[in-house]
Amino acid sequence: MEHNHEHTHEYTHSHEHTHEHNHHHEHEACGNDRTKALLAYMIDHNDHHAEELAGLLESVDGAAKKKLTEAIGSFEVANVQLREVLELLEE
């Protein structure tokens, strides 16, 4: 069964810029190439957000700094898992 839909996501960051992402998917036509490209994009995107958050570490202390560090680690853990998915798709 083939169906088409478009996703639009807008992300706003504290440094006052937005990212708008449009993803058009034709599910039957989606192959490993498209999936791998999207995964690679998301890994890069997550790295960018982790870097932005790391830049905030100097501005917080105590429990907030600990939680922010954990959040940054979550991006890193997610990217390890996404890279593993890419490796599996490339086998």
PDB file of N, CA and C in Angstrom:
ATOM      1  N   MET A   1       0.847  -1.166   0.000  1.00  0.00           N
ATOM      2  CA  MET A   1       0.000   0.000   0.000  1.00  0.00           C
ATOM      3  C   MET A   1       0.898   1.236   0.000  1.00  0.00           C
ATOM      4  N   GLU A   2       0.704   2.086  -0.969  1.00  0.00           N
ATOM      5  CA  GLU A   2       1.514   3.295  -1.076  1.00  0.00           C
ATOM      6  C   GLU A   2       0.688   4.477  -0.603  1.00  0.00           C
ATOM      7  N   HIS A   3       1.325   5.327   0.212  1.00  0.00           N
ATOM      8  CA  HIS A   3       0.693   6.580   0.596  1.00  0.00           C
ATOM      9  C   HIS A   3       1.769   7.634   0.761  1.00  0.00           C
ATOM     10  N   ASN A   4       1.389   8.853   0.495  1.00  0.00           N
ATOM     11  CA  ASN A   4       2.314   9.967   0.565  1.00  0.00           C
ATOM     12  C   ASN A   4       1.868  10.913   1.660  1.00  0.00           C
ATOM     13  N   HIS A   5       2.822  11.474   2.357  1.00  0.00           N
ATOM     14  CA  HIS A   5       2.522  12.548   3.297  1.00  0.00           C
ATOM     15  C   HIS A   5       3.775  13.370   3.508  1.00  0.00           C
ATOM     16  N   GLU A   6       3.569  14.561   3.983  1.00  0.00           N
ATOM     17  CA  GLU A   6       4.682  15.473   4.199  1.00  0.00           C
ATOM     18  C   GLU A   6       4.702  15.868   5.662  1.00  0.00           C
ATOM     19  N   HIS A   7       5.907  15.886   6.239  1.00  0.00           N
ATOM     20  CA  HIS A   7       6.100  16.306   7.625  1.00  0.00           C
ATOM     21  C   HIS A   7       6.755  17.676   7.618  1.00  0.00           C
ATOM     22  N   THR A   8       6.288  18.574   8.437  1.00  0.00           N
ATOM     23  CA  THR A   8       6.960  19.852   8.623  1.00  0.00           C
ATOM     24  C   THR A   8       7.234  20.004  10.115  1.00  0.00           C
ATOM     25  N   HIS A   9       8.485  20.230  10.456  1.00  0.00           N
ATOM     26  CA  HIS A   9       8.883  20.398  11.844  1.00  0.00           C
ATOM     27  C   HIS A   9       9.600  21.725  11.960  1.00  0.00           C
ATOM     28  N   GLU A  10       9.299  22.465  12.992  1.00  0.00           N
ATOM     29  CA  GLU A  10      10.038  23.697  13.221  1.00  0.00           C
ATOM     30  C   GLU A  10      10.682  23.604  14.586  1.00  0.00           C
ATOM     31  N   TYR A  11      11.959  23.937  14.647  1.00  0.00           N
ATOM     32  CA  TYR A  11      12.722  23.897  15.876  1.00  0.00           C
ATOM     33  C   TYR A  11      13.196  25.314  16.173  1.00  0.00           C
ATOM     34  N   THR A  12      12.979  25.774  17.388  1.00  0.00           N
ATOM     35  CA  THR A  12      13.437  27.095  17.782  1.00  0.00           C
ATOM     36  C   THR A  12      14.458  26.941  18.898  1.00  0.00           C
ATOM     37  N   HIS A  13      15.534  27.686  18.820  1.00  0.00           N
ATOM     38  CA  HIS A  13      16.614  27.607  19.789  1.00  0.00           C
ATOM     39  C   HIS A  13      16.767  28.945  20.494  1.00  0.00           C
ATOM     40  N   SER A  14      17.396  28.896  21.679  1.00  0.00           N
ATOM     41  CA  SER A  14      17.561  30.097  22.474  1.00  0.00           C
ATOM     42  C   SER A  14      18.432  31.150  21.790  1.00  0.00           C
ATOM     43  N   HIS A  15      19.219  30.786  20.810  1.00  0.00           N
ATOM     44  CA  HIS A  15      20.060  31.766  20.136  1.00  0.00           C
ATOM     45  C   HIS A  15      19.336  32.369  18.933  1.00  0.00           C
ATOM     46  N   GLU A  16      18.039  32.290  18.948  1.00  0.00           N
ATOM     47  CA  GLU A  16      17.140  33.003  18.045  1.00  0.00           C
ATOM     48  C   GLU A  16      17.323  32.670  16.571  1.00  0.00           C
ATOM     49  N   HIS A  17      17.311  31.392  16.247  1.00  0.00           N
ATOM     50  CA  HIS A  17      17.157  30.995  14.856  1.00  0.00           C
ATOM     51  C   HIS A  17      16.287  29.751  14.822  1.00  0.00           C
ATOM     52  N   THR A  18      15.667  29.525  13.709  1.00  0.00           N
ATOM     53  CA  THR A  18      14.799  28.360  13.600  1.00  0.00           C
ATOM     54  C   THR A  18      15.272  27.482  12.457  1.00  0.00           C
ATOM     55  N   HIS A  19      14.927  26.221  12.587  1.00  0.00           N
ATOM     56  CA  HIS A  19      15.172  25.255  11.523  1.00  0.00           C
ATOM     57  C   HIS A  19      13.815  24.724  11.111  1.00  0.00           C
ATOM     58  N   GLU A  20      13.503  24.793   9.864  1.00  0.00           N
ATOM     59  CA  GLU A  20      12.272  24.179   9.394  1.00  0.00           C
ATOM     60  C   GLU A  20      12.648  23.045   8.464  1.00  0.00           C
ATOM     61  N   HIS A  21      12.066  21.894   8.726  1.00  0.00           N
ATOM     62  CA  HIS A  21      12.406  20.706   7.966  1.00  0.00           C
ATOM     63  C   HIS A  21      11.149  20.142   7.327  1.00  0.00           C
ATOM     64  N   ASN A  22      11.182  19.959   6.044  1.00  0.00           N
ATOM     65  CA  ASN A  22      10.085  19.320   5.330  1.00  0.00           C
ATOM     66  C   ASN A  22      10.579  17.978   4.824  1.00  0.00           C
ATOM     67  N   HIS A  23       9.854  16.941   5.168  1.00  0.00           N
ATOM     68  CA  HIS A  23      10.202  15.602   4.720  1.00  0.00           C
ATOM     69  C   HIS A  23       9.020  15.037   3.960  1.00  0.00           C
ATOM     70  N   HIS A  24       9.203  14.744   2.702  1.00  0.00           N
ATOM     71  CA  HIS A  24       8.159  14.138   1.893  1.00  0.00           C
ATOM     72  C   HIS A  24       8.489  12.657   1.760  1.00  0.00           C
ATOM     73  N   HIS A  25       7.553  11.815   2.112  1.00  0.00           N
ATOM     74  CA  HIS A  25       7.792  10.383   2.085  1.00  0.00           C
ATOM     75  C   HIS A  25       6.808   9.676   1.170  1.00  0.00           C
ATOM     76  N   GLU A  26       7.314   8.847   0.287  1.00  0.00           N
ATOM     77  CA  GLU A  26       6.513   7.906  -0.462  1.00  0.00           C
ATOM     78  C   GLU A  26       6.927   6.547   0.066  1.00  0.00           C
ATOM     79  N   HIS A  27       6.126   6.000   0.975  1.00  0.00           N
ATOM     80  CA  HIS A  27       6.553   4.845   1.757  1.00  0.00           C
ATOM     81  C   HIS A  27       6.965   3.644   0.922  1.00  0.00           C
ATOM     82  N   GLU A  28       6.284   3.348  -0.148  1.00  0.00           N
ATOM     83  CA  GLU A  28       6.669   2.197  -0.947  1.00  0.00           C
ATOM     84  C   GLU A  28       8.003   2.452  -1.647  1.00  0.00           C
ATOM     85  N   ALA A  29       8.252   3.696  -1.993  1.00  0.00           N
ATOM     86  CA  ALA A  29       9.475   4.046  -2.705  1.00  0.00           C
ATOM     87  C   ALA A  29      10.651   4.259  -1.759  1.00  0.00           C
ATOM     88  N   CYS A  30      10.394   4.389  -0.449  1.00  0.00           N
ATOM     89  CA  CYS A  30      11.486   4.598   0.504  1.00  0.00           C
ATOM     90  C   CYS A  30      12.369   3.372   0.539  1.00  0.00           C
ATOM     91  N   GLY A  31      13.611   3.551   0.212  1.00  0.00           N
ATOM     92  CA  GLY A  31      14.559   2.455   0.257  1.00  0.00           C
ATOM     93  C   GLY A  31      15.624   2.745   1.276  1.00  0.00           C
ATOM     94  N   ASN A  32      16.588   1.859   1.317  1.00  0.00           N
ATOM     95  CA  ASN A  32      17.682   2.045   2.252  1.00  0.00           C
ATOM     96  C   ASN A  32      18.434   3.343   2.018  1.00  0.00           C
ATOM     97  N   ASP A  33      18.573   3.777   0.774  1.00  0.00           N
ATOM     98  CA  ASP A  33      19.311   5.014   0.508  1.00  0.00           C
ATOM     99  C   ASP A  33      18.659   6.208   1.176  1.00  0.00           C
ATOM    100  N   ARG A  34      17.365   6.319   1.041  1.00  0.00           N
ATOM    101  CA  ARG A  34      16.649   7.438   1.658  1.00  0.00           C
ATOM    102  C   ARG A  34      16.709   7.329   3.174  1.00  0.00           C
ATOM    103  N   THR A  35      16.540   6.127   3.692  1.00  0.00           N
ATOM    104  CA  THR A  35      16.595   5.913   5.139  1.00  0.00           C
ATOM    105  C   THR A  35      17.974   6.253   5.672  1.00  0.00           C
ATOM    106  N   LYS A  36      19.016   5.795   4.984  1.00  0.00           N
ATOM    107  CA  LYS A  36      20.384   6.077   5.422  1.00  0.00           C
ATOM    108  C   LYS A  36      20.675   7.574   5.365  1.00  0.00           C
ATOM    109  N   ALA A  37      20.187   8.242   4.342  1.00  0.00           N
ATOM    110  CA  ALA A  37      20.403   9.684   4.225  1.00  0.00           C
ATOM    111  C   ALA A  37      19.732  10.428   5.379  1.00  0.00           C
ATOM    112  N   LEU A  38      18.515  10.027   5.712  1.00  0.00           N
ATOM    113  CA  LEU A  38      17.804  10.687   6.811  1.00  0.00           C
ATOM    114  C   LEU A  38      18.489  10.400   8.146  1.00  0.00           C
ATOM    115  N   LEU A  39      18.938   9.177   8.349  1.00  0.00           N
ATOM    116  CA  LEU A  39      19.657   8.852   9.586  1.00  0.00           C
ATOM    117  C   LEU A  39      20.940   9.656   9.701  1.00  0.00           C
ATOM    118  N   ALA A  40      21.700   9.758   8.613  1.00  0.00           N
ATOM    119  CA  ALA A  40      22.932  10.547   8.632  1.00  0.00           C
ATOM    120  C   ALA A  40      22.637  12.005   8.947  1.00  0.00           C
ATOM    121  N   TYR A  41      21.574  12.531   8.367  1.00  0.00           N
ATOM    122  CA  TYR A  41      21.165  13.908   8.647  1.00  0.00           C
ATOM    123  C   TYR A  41      20.830  14.085  10.124  1.00  0.00           C
ATOM    124  N   MET A  42      20.064  13.147  10.681  1.00  0.00           N
ATOM    125  CA  MET A  42      19.656  13.259  12.082  1.00  0.00           C
ATOM    126  C   MET A  42      20.854  13.172  13.023  1.00  0.00           C
ATOM    127  N   ILE A  43      21.816  12.329  12.701  1.00  0.00           N
ATOM    128  CA  ILE A  43      23.031  12.232  13.522  1.00  0.00           C
ATOM    129  C   ILE A  43      23.748  13.579  13.540  1.00  0.00           C
ATOM    130  N   ASP A  44      23.909  14.185  12.372  1.00  0.00           N
ATOM    131  CA  ASP A  44      24.558  15.490  12.282  1.00  0.00           C
ATOM    132  C   ASP A  44      23.755  16.549  13.040  1.00  0.00           C
ATOM    133  N   HIS A  45      22.446  16.502  12.884  1.00  0.00           N
ATOM    134  CA  HIS A  45      21.553  17.457  13.547  1.00  0.00           C
ATOM    135  C   HIS A  45      21.664  17.315  15.071  1.00  0.00           C
ATOM    136  N   ASN A  46      21.670  16.079  15.560  1.00  0.00           N
ATOM    137  CA  ASN A  46      21.814  15.837  17.000  1.00  0.00           C
ATOM    138  C   ASN A  46      23.167  16.333  17.502  1.00  0.00           C
ATOM    139  N   ASP A  47      24.233  16.098  16.722  1.00  0.00           N
ATOM    140  CA  ASP A  47      25.556  16.598  17.112  1.00  0.00           C
ATOM    141  C   ASP A  47      25.528  18.114  17.274  1.00  0.00           C
ATOM    142  N   HIS A  48      24.859  18.789  16.336  1.00  0.00           N
ATOM    143  CA  HIS A  48      24.758  20.247  16.391  1.00  0.00           C
ATOM    144  C   HIS A  48      24.045  20.692  17.664  1.00  0.00           C
ATOM    145  N   HIS A  49      22.947  20.044  17.990  1.00  0.00           N
ATOM    146  CA  HIS A  49      22.207  20.410  19.207  1.00  0.00           C
ATOM    147  C   HIS A  49      23.024  20.125  20.466  1.00  0.00           C
ATOM    148  N   ALA A  50      23.741  19.010  20.482  1.00  0.00           N
ATOM    149  CA  ALA A  50      24.578  18.696  21.640  1.00  0.00           C
ATOM    150  C   ALA A  50      25.652  19.770  21.832  1.00  0.00           C
ATOM    151  N   GLU A  51      26.234  20.231  20.736  1.00  0.00           N
ATOM    152  CA  GLU A  51      27.241  21.301  20.806  1.00  0.00           C
ATOM    153  C   GLU A  51      26.626  22.588  21.349  1.00  0.00           C
ATOM    154  N   GLU A  52      25.420  22.906  20.881  1.00  0.00           N
ATOM    155  CA  GLU A  52      24.750  24.114  21.371  1.00  0.00           C
ATOM    156  C   GLU A  52      24.493  24.022  22.872  1.00  0.00           C
ATOM    157  N   LEU A  53      24.031  22.861  23.309  1.00  0.00           N
ATOM    158  CA  LEU A  53      23.767  22.676  24.733  1.00  0.00           C
ATOM    159  C   LEU A  53      25.051  22.730  25.549  1.00  0.00           C
ATOM    160  N   ALA A  54      26.126  22.168  25.029  1.00  0.00           N
ATOM    161  CA  ALA A  54      27.411  22.210  25.727  1.00  0.00           C
ATOM    162  C   ALA A  54      27.868  23.653  25.938  1.00  0.00           C
ATOM    163  N   GLY A  55      27.519  24.514  25.003  1.00  0.00           N
ATOM    164  CA  GLY A  55      27.850  25.930  25.148  1.00  0.00           C
ATOM    165  C   GLY A  55      27.123  26.613  26.283  1.00  0.00           C
ATOM    166  N   LEU A  56      26.050  25.994  26.754  1.00  0.00           N
ATOM    167  CA  LEU A  56      25.292  26.554  27.873  1.00  0.00           C
ATOM    168  C   LEU A  56      25.813  26.102  29.234  1.00  0.00           C
ATOM    169  N   LEU A  57      26.677  25.112  29.259  1.00  0.00           N
ATOM    170  CA  LEU A  57      27.136  24.551  30.531  1.00  0.00           C
ATOM    171  C   LEU A  57      27.772  25.582  31.451  1.00  0.00           C
ATOM    172  N   GLU A  58      28.479  26.544  30.877  1.00  0.00           N
ATOM    173  CA  GLU A  58      29.130  27.564  31.715  1.00  0.00           C
ATOM    174  C   GLU A  58      28.132  28.505  32.373  1.00  0.00           C
ATOM    175  N   SER A  59      26.914  28.544  31.861  1.00  0.00           N
ATOM    176  CA  SER A  59      25.927  29.493  32.386  1.00  0.00           C
ATOM    177  C   SER A  59      25.034  28.900  33.474  1.00  0.00           C
ATOM    178  N   VAL A  60      25.228  27.626  33.809  1.00  0.00           N
ATOM    179  CA  VAL A  60      24.402  26.991  34.845  1.00  0.00           C
ATOM    180  C   VAL A  60      25.292  26.292  35.860  1.00  0.00           C
ATOM    181  N   ASP A  61      24.739  26.064  37.038  1.00  0.00           N
ATOM    182  CA  ASP A  61      25.478  25.410  38.114  1.00  0.00           C
ATOM    183  C   ASP A  61      24.625  24.334  38.766  1.00  0.00           C
ATOM    184  N   GLY A  62      25.246  23.562  39.626  1.00  0.00           N
ATOM    185  CA  GLY A  62      24.550  22.618  40.480  1.00  0.00           C
ATOM    186  C   GLY A  62      23.738  21.575  39.736  1.00  0.00           C
ATOM    187  N   ALA A  63      22.510  21.382  40.224  1.00  0.00           N
ATOM    188  CA  ALA A  63      21.627  20.360  39.669  1.00  0.00           C
ATOM    189  C   ALA A  63      21.284  20.637  38.209  1.00  0.00           C
ATOM    190  N   ALA A  64      21.150  21.913  37.856  1.00  0.00           N
ATOM    191  CA  ALA A  64      20.845  22.257  36.460  1.00  0.00           C
ATOM    192  C   ALA A  64      21.989  21.846  35.544  1.00  0.00           C
ATOM    193  N   LYS A  65      23.212  22.062  35.986  1.00  0.00           N
ATOM    194  CA  LYS A  65      24.376  21.692  35.173  1.00  0.00           C
ATOM    195  C   LYS A  65      24.446  20.171  35.023  1.00  0.00           C
ATOM    196  N   LYS A  66      24.141  19.446  36.107  1.00  0.00           N
ATOM    197  CA  LYS A  66      24.152  17.982  36.057  1.00  0.00           C
ATOM    198  C   LYS A  66      23.109  17.477  35.056  1.00  0.00           C
ATOM    199  N   LYS A  67      21.893  18.018  35.119  1.00  0.00           N
ATOM    200  CA  LYS A  67      20.822  17.592  34.205  1.00  0.00           C
ATOM    201  C   LYS A  67      21.151  17.951  32.763  1.00  0.00           C
ATOM    202  N   LEU A  68      21.729  19.116  32.542  1.00  0.00           N
ATOM    203  CA  LEU A  68      22.103  19.526  31.195  1.00  0.00           C
ATOM    204  C   LEU A  68      23.182  18.591  30.642  1.00  0.00           C
ATOM    205  N   THR A  69      24.130  18.223  31.474  1.00  0.00           N
ATOM    206  CA  THR A  69      25.170  17.275  31.070  1.00  0.00           C
ATOM    207  C   THR A  69      24.542  15.935  30.696  1.00  0.00           C
ATOM    208  N   GLU A  70      23.557  15.485  31.472  1.00  0.00           N
ATOM    209  CA  GLU A  70      22.858  14.235  31.159  1.00  0.00           C
ATOM    210  C   GLU A  70      22.106  14.340  29.835  1.00  0.00           C
ATOM    211  N   ALA A  71      21.494  15.486  29.583  1.00  0.00           N
ATOM    212  CA  ALA A  71      20.762  15.692  28.327  1.00  0.00           C
ATOM    213  C   ALA A  71      21.712  15.623  27.138  1.00  0.00           C
ATOM    214  N   ILE A  72      22.875  16.237  27.271  1.00  0.00           N
ATOM    215  CA  ILE A  72      23.884  16.182  26.212  1.00  0.00           C
ATOM    216  C   ILE A  72      24.296  14.732  25.980  1.00  0.00           C
ATOM    217  N   GLY A  73      24.468  13.993  27.069  1.00  0.00           N
ATOM    218  CA  GLY A  73      24.804  12.574  26.963  1.00  0.00           C
ATOM    219  C   GLY A  73      23.730  11.784  26.253  1.00  0.00           C
ATOM    220  N   SER A  74      22.473  12.175  26.423  1.00  0.00           N
ATOM    221  CA  SER A  74      21.373  11.489  25.744  1.00  0.00           C
ATOM    222  C   SER A  74      21.470  11.639  24.232  1.00  0.00           C
ATOM    223  N   PHE A  75      21.856  12.828  23.772  1.00  0.00           N
ATOM    224  CA  PHE A  75      22.077  13.021  22.337  1.00  0.00           C
ATOM    225  C   PHE A  75      23.185  12.091  21.853  1.00  0.00           C
ATOM    226  N   GLU A  76      24.256  11.999  22.642  1.00  0.00           N
ATOM    227  CA  GLU A  76      25.388  11.167  22.256  1.00  0.00           C
ATOM    228  C   GLU A  76      25.006   9.689  22.221  1.00  0.00           C
ATOM    229  N   VAL A  77      24.235   9.231  23.207  1.00  0.00           N
ATOM    230  CA  VAL A  77      23.779   7.841  23.243  1.00  0.00           C
ATOM    231  C   VAL A  77      22.875   7.560  22.043  1.00  0.00           C
ATOM    232  N   ALA A  78      21.963   8.476  21.764  1.00  0.00           N
ATOM    233  CA  ALA A  78      21.064   8.299  20.614  1.00  0.00           C
ATOM    234  C   ALA A  78      21.868   8.198  19.325  1.00  0.00           C
ATOM    235  N   ASN A  79      22.887   9.013  19.189  1.00  0.00           N
ATOM    236  CA  ASN A  79      23.694   8.968  17.968  1.00  0.00           C
ATOM    237  C   ASN A  79      24.478   7.667  17.836  1.00  0.00           C
ATOM    238  N   VAL A  80      24.939   7.106  18.940  1.00  0.00           N
ATOM    239  CA  VAL A  80      25.604   5.802  18.884  1.00  0.00           C
ATOM    240  C   VAL A  80      24.619   4.768  18.339  1.00  0.00           C
ATOM    241  N   GLN A  81      23.391   4.813  18.835  1.00  0.00           N
ATOM    242  CA  GLN A  81      22.380   3.864  18.378  1.00  0.00           C
ATOM    243  C   GLN A  81      22.026   4.090  16.908  1.00  0.00           C
ATOM    244  N   LEU A  82      21.903   5.350  16.497  1.00  0.00           N
ATOM    245  CA  LEU A  82      21.601   5.642  15.097  1.00  0.00           C
ATOM    246  C   LEU A  82      22.733   5.197  14.178  1.00  0.00           C
ATOM    247  N   ARG A  83      23.972   5.365  14.621  1.00  0.00           N
ATOM    248  CA  ARG A  83      25.108   4.892  13.821  1.00  0.00           C
ATOM    249  C   ARG A  83      25.077   3.368  13.684  1.00  0.00           C
ATOM    250  N   GLU A  84      24.656   2.686  14.745  1.00  0.00           N
ATOM    251  CA  GLU A  84      24.530   1.226  14.672  1.00  0.00           C
ATOM    252  C   GLU A  84      23.453   0.832  13.656  1.00  0.00           C
ATOM    253  N   VAL A  85      22.366   1.573  13.608  1.00  0.00           N
ATOM    254  CA  VAL A  85      21.332   1.306  12.618  1.00  0.00           C
ATOM    255  C   VAL A  85      21.907   1.475  11.211  1.00  0.00           C
ATOM    256  N   LEU A  86      22.659   2.545  10.998  1.00  0.00           N
ATOM    257  CA  LEU A  86      23.293   2.761   9.697  1.00  0.00           C
ATOM    258  C   LEU A  86      24.206   1.601   9.314  1.00  0.00           C
ATOM    259  N   GLU A  87      24.994   1.143  10.268  1.00  0.00           N
ATOM    260  CA  GLU A  87      25.891   0.016  10.004  1.00  0.00           C
ATOM    261  C   GLU A  87      25.092  -1.225   9.608  1.00  0.00           C
ATOM    262  N   LEU A  88      23.992  -1.476  10.282  1.00  0.00           N
ATOM    263  CA  LEU A  88      23.162  -2.641   9.962  1.00  0.00           C
ATOM    264  C   LEU A  88      22.572  -2.510   8.565  1.00  0.00           C
ATOM    265  N   LEU A  89      22.178  -1.309   8.190  1.00  0.00           N
ATOM    266  CA  LEU A  89      21.599  -1.102   6.858  1.00  0.00           C
ATOM    267  C   LEU A  89      22.641  -1.239   5.753  1.00  0.00           C
ATOM    268  N   GLU A  90      23.894  -0.997   6.087  1.00  0.00           N
ATOM    269  CA  GLU A  90      24.960  -1.077   5.099  1.00  0.00           C
ATOM    270  C   GLU A  90      25.504  -2.490   4.918  1.00  0.00           C
ATOM    271  N   GLU A  91      25.068  -3.416   5.763  1.00  0.00           N
ATOM    272  CA  GLU A  91      25.524  -4.813   5.647  1.00  0.00           C
ATOM    273  C   GLU A  91      24.910  -5.482   4.441  1.00  0.00           C
TER     274      GLU A  91
END
